[in-house]
Amino acid sequence: MLRNIWTPLADGQPIQHKDPGELIYLQDTCAECFYYIVSGTAKCFISSPEGEERILTLPHAGELMGEAAFFDGQPRVSSAMAVTKCQLVAVNRQRLEQVFSTHPDLAIAMLEDLARRVRMLSGHVDSEFLQADKRIARHLLSLLPRPEDTVHCTHEEIGASVGVSRVTVSRVLGEFDKKGWIKTGYKSLRLLDRAGLEAYLASGDSR
């Protein structure tokens, strides 16, 4: 397995430990750092004034989160919470400059990662025009970027992310499982056939 490109951010740095359900950062607060996930899965979500929650992403080990607000200097637009036990490294501006000085190639990689994040969030907007099964398919593809990836989430969380009921999510995931595109487990999903799910999303077939 290839070494994760972001590991230089964590070299020699203190590890933060978060238990499931523990808050990592809060919406509308100042972003003095972003985070590299050493292990575990988190969720990034938006809360409305009425208390409704919409999950944007479920970042897991080897990924970054919270970097957009860190770079633009504006308050965070989302909150983050640990879904499983997480080990995190907080990266502030001084640490980032140190890493860039010794690993300048990471600057381009980080720009590419931010561009990918913008594209993914644009997909959330586009998904509002899709039927429920296509919305769920697109959301799964954004959560599971690599073959054989596993993500920990509930049907309620997926439903909250795409704006459909838990019952609809359960029905659609059952269909995707039967087709061999994913494997469902207890509060978990594994991507088996990304090409099949992508082909379905691109097709005109929608139930």
Protein backbone atom coordinates (compact mmCIF):
# COMPACT_ATOMS: atom_id res chain seq x y z
CA MET A 1 0.00 0.00 0.00
CA LEU A 2 1.32 3.44 -0.93
CA ARG A 3 2.27 5.76 1.89
CA ASN A 4 -0.36 8.45 2.36
CA ILE A 5 0.87 11.77 0.95
CA TRP A 6 -0.35 13.73 3.98
CA THR A 7 1.68 11.84 6.60
CA PRO A 8 4.42 14.56 6.68
CA LEU A 9 1.80 16.78 8.34
CA ALA A 10 1.69 14.36 11.27
CA ASP A 11 5.41 13.62 11.65
CA GLY A 12 6.45 14.44 15.20
CA GLN A 13 3.13 16.10 16.02
CA PRO A 14 0.84 15.40 19.00
CA ILE A 15 -2.11 13.12 18.36
CA GLN A 16 -5.60 14.13 19.45
CA HIS A 17 -7.97 11.31 20.44
CA LYS A 18 -11.71 11.67 19.90
CA ASP A 19 -14.42 9.24 20.97
CA PRO A 20 -17.55 8.57 18.88
CA GLY A 21 -19.92 11.52 19.17
CA GLU A 22 -17.22 13.92 20.36
CA LEU A 23 -17.11 17.30 18.62
CA ILE A 24 -13.95 18.17 16.67
CA TYR A 25 -14.85 21.69 15.56
CA LEU A 26 -17.98 23.82 15.51
CA GLN A 27 -19.80 25.67 12.76
CA ASP A 28 -19.36 29.48 12.72
CA THR A 29 -16.15 29.38 14.77
CA CYS A 30 -12.72 30.66 13.71
CA ALA A 31 -10.61 28.10 11.83
CA GLU A 32 -7.14 28.40 13.33
CA CYS A 33 -6.18 24.93 12.06
CA PHE A 34 -7.34 22.06 9.90
CA TYR A 35 -7.06 18.34 10.60
CA TYR A 36 -5.34 15.28 9.20
CA ILE A 37 -7.17 12.08 10.14
CA VAL A 38 -4.66 9.45 11.23
CA SER A 39 -7.31 6.83 11.95
CA GLY A 40 -11.06 6.58 12.23
CA THR A 41 -14.05 8.23 10.53
CA ALA A 42 -15.57 11.65 11.17
CA LYS A 43 -18.57 13.48 9.80
CA CYS A 44 -18.78 17.06 8.56
CA PHE A 45 -22.27 18.50 8.80
CA ILE A 46 -24.30 21.71 8.64
CA SER A 47 -26.81 22.59 11.36
CA SER A 48 -29.79 24.86 10.65
CA PRO A 49 -31.18 27.39 13.17
CA GLU A 50 -34.10 24.97 13.62
CA GLY A 51 -31.71 22.22 14.70
CA GLU A 52 -31.86 20.18 11.49
CA GLU A 53 -28.61 18.52 10.42
CA ARG A 54 -27.29 17.75 6.96
CA ILE A 55 -24.19 15.63 6.53
CA LEU A 56 -21.78 16.86 3.84
CA THR A 57 -18.98 14.30 4.02
CA LEU A 58 -17.72 11.38 6.08
CA PRO A 59 -13.92 11.80 5.89
CA HIS A 60 -11.84 8.88 7.10
CA ALA A 61 -8.23 7.89 7.77
CA GLY A 62 -5.73 9.51 5.42
CA GLU A 63 -7.92 12.50 4.57
CA LEU A 64 -7.99 16.17 5.51
CA MET A 65 -10.91 18.16 6.85
CA GLY A 66 -11.64 21.74 7.80
CA GLU A 67 -9.05 23.19 5.44
CA ALA A 68 -11.37 25.43 3.38
CA ALA A 69 -12.20 27.80 6.25
CA PHE A 70 -8.57 27.64 7.39
CA PHE A 71 -7.38 29.01 4.05
CA ASP A 72 -10.05 31.64 3.41
CA GLY A 73 -9.98 33.01 6.95
CA GLN A 74 -13.76 32.95 7.29
CA PRO A 75 -15.81 31.22 10.03
CA ARG A 76 -16.36 27.52 9.52
CA VAL A 77 -19.47 26.69 7.47
CA SER A 78 -19.81 23.23 9.02
CA SER A 79 -19.13 21.27 12.19
CA ALA A 80 -17.18 18.03 12.52
CA MET A 81 -17.72 15.13 14.90
CA ALA A 82 -16.06 11.74 15.39
CA VAL A 83 -18.16 8.82 14.12
CA THR A 84 -15.72 6.16 15.30
CA LYS A 85 -12.71 6.51 17.58
CA CYS A 86 -10.45 8.98 15.80
CA GLN A 87 -6.82 9.98 15.96
CA LEU A 88 -6.25 13.46 14.58
CA VAL A 89 -3.42 15.90 14.02
CA ALA A 90 -4.22 19.62 14.09
CA VAL A 91 -2.26 21.60 11.49
CA ASN A 92 -1.82 25.34 12.03
CA ARG A 93 -0.26 27.85 9.64
CA GLN A 94 3.22 27.62 11.14
CA ARG A 95 3.23 23.83 10.85
CA LEU A 96 1.92 23.97 7.28
CA GLU A 97 4.69 26.38 6.22
CA GLN A 98 7.28 24.05 7.77
CA VAL A 99 5.92 21.08 5.82
CA PHE A 100 5.69 23.02 2.54
CA SER A 101 9.31 24.11 2.92
CA THR A 102 10.47 20.49 2.95
CA HIS A 103 7.69 18.98 0.79
CA PRO A 104 6.77 21.69 -1.77
CA ASP A 105 4.92 19.13 -3.89
CA LEU A 106 2.25 18.96 -1.20
CA ALA A 107 1.14 22.51 -2.00
CA ILE A 108 -0.10 21.43 -5.43
CA ALA A 109 -1.64 18.29 -3.97
CA MET A 110 -3.54 20.40 -1.46
CA LEU A 111 -4.87 22.68 -4.19
CA GLU A 112 -6.03 19.60 -6.09
CA ASP A 113 -7.71 18.30 -2.93
CA LEU A 114 -9.52 21.61 -2.41
CA ALA A 115 -10.66 21.63 -6.04
CA ARG A 116 -12.00 18.10 -5.62
CA ARG A 117 -13.87 19.23 -2.50
CA VAL A 118 -15.47 22.14 -4.39
CA ARG A 119 -16.55 19.75 -7.15
CA MET A 120 -18.02 17.37 -4.58
CA LEU A 121 -19.98 20.14 -2.84
CA SER A 122 -21.23 21.33 -6.23
CA GLY A 123 -22.49 17.79 -6.68
CA HIS A 124 -24.61 18.21 -3.55
CA VAL A 125 -26.39 21.11 -5.26
CA ASP A 126 -26.79 19.23 -8.55
CA SER A 127 -28.18 16.24 -6.66
CA GLU A 128 -31.28 18.23 -5.71
CA PHE A 129 -32.42 17.75 -9.31
CA LEU A 130 -31.94 13.96 -9.21
CA GLN A 131 -34.41 11.31 -8.09
CA ALA A 132 -33.78 9.64 -4.73
CA ASP A 133 -31.87 6.58 -5.97
CA LYS A 134 -29.52 8.69 -8.09
CA ARG A 135 -28.96 11.08 -5.19
CA ILE A 136 -27.99 8.16 -2.97
CA ALA A 137 -25.69 6.72 -5.65
CA ARG A 138 -23.88 10.05 -6.07
CA HIS A 139 -23.54 10.45 -2.32
CA LEU A 140 -22.02 6.98 -1.95
CA LEU A 141 -19.50 7.69 -4.68
CA SER A 142 -18.45 10.89 -2.88
CA LEU A 143 -18.07 9.02 0.42
CA LEU A 144 -16.18 6.08 -1.04
CA PRO A 145 -13.51 7.45 -3.39
CA ARG A 146 -11.47 4.25 -3.68
CA PRO A 147 -12.38 0.63 -4.53
CA GLU A 148 -13.03 -1.59 -1.50
CA ASP A 149 -13.46 1.47 0.74
CA THR A 150 -15.61 1.00 3.84
CA VAL A 151 -17.46 3.83 5.54
CA HIS A 152 -19.36 3.78 8.84
CA CYS A 153 -22.73 5.49 8.67
CA THR A 154 -26.40 4.85 9.32
CA HIS A 155 -29.31 4.94 6.90
CA GLU A 156 -30.59 7.97 8.81
CA GLU A 157 -27.31 9.81 8.20
CA ILE A 158 -27.40 9.06 4.47
CA GLY A 159 -31.02 10.17 4.32
CA ALA A 160 -30.15 13.42 6.10
CA SER A 161 -27.36 14.05 3.60
CA VAL A 162 -29.48 13.64 0.47
CA GLY A 163 -32.90 14.69 1.75
CA VAL A 164 -34.79 11.38 1.62
CA SER A 165 -36.36 9.13 4.24
CA ARG A 166 -34.60 6.28 6.05
CA VAL A 167 -37.05 3.84 4.47
CA THR A 168 -36.10 5.01 0.98
CA VAL A 169 -32.39 4.75 1.79
CA SER A 170 -32.85 1.18 3.07
CA ARG A 171 -34.75 0.17 -0.06
CA VAL A 172 -32.21 1.70 -2.46
CA LEU A 173 -29.19 0.30 -0.62
CA GLY A 174 -30.83 -3.12 -0.68
CA GLU A 175 -31.16 -2.87 -4.47
CA PHE A 176 -27.54 -1.73 -4.85
CA ASP A 177 -26.42 -4.63 -2.64
CA LYS A 178 -28.32 -7.18 -4.76
CA LYS A 179 -26.66 -5.79 -7.90
CA GLY A 180 -23.24 -6.29 -6.31
CA TRP A 181 -22.27 -2.62 -6.33
CA ILE A 182 -21.99 -2.32 -2.55
CA LYS A 183 -21.98 -4.55 0.52
CA THR A 184 -24.10 -3.40 3.42
CA GLY A 185 -23.27 -4.23 7.04
CA TYR A 186 -24.19 -3.01 10.49
CA LYS A 187 -23.86 0.78 10.24
CA SER A 188 -21.32 0.31 7.44
CA LEU A 189 -21.04 0.20 3.66
CA ARG A 190 -18.34 -1.20 1.41
CA LEU A 191 -17.90 -0.26 -2.24
CA LEU A 192 -17.49 -3.36 -4.43
CA ASP A 193 -18.13 -2.12 -7.98
CA ARG A 194 -17.51 1.59 -8.45
CA ALA A 195 -17.79 1.34 -12.24
CA GLY A 196 -21.22 -0.26 -11.95
CA LEU A 197 -22.49 2.45 -9.62
CA GLU A 198 -21.03 5.19 -11.83
CA ALA A 199 -22.64 3.67 -14.92
CA TYR A 200 -26.00 3.57 -13.16
CA LEU A 201 -25.66 7.20 -12.09
CA ALA A 202 -24.89 8.21 -15.70
CA SER A 203 -27.78 6.18 -17.14
CA GLY A 204 -31.36 7.27 -17.65
CA ASP A 205 -32.59 4.44 -15.44
CA SER A 206 -34.18 5.76 -12.24
CA ARG A 207 -36.70 4.08 -9.98
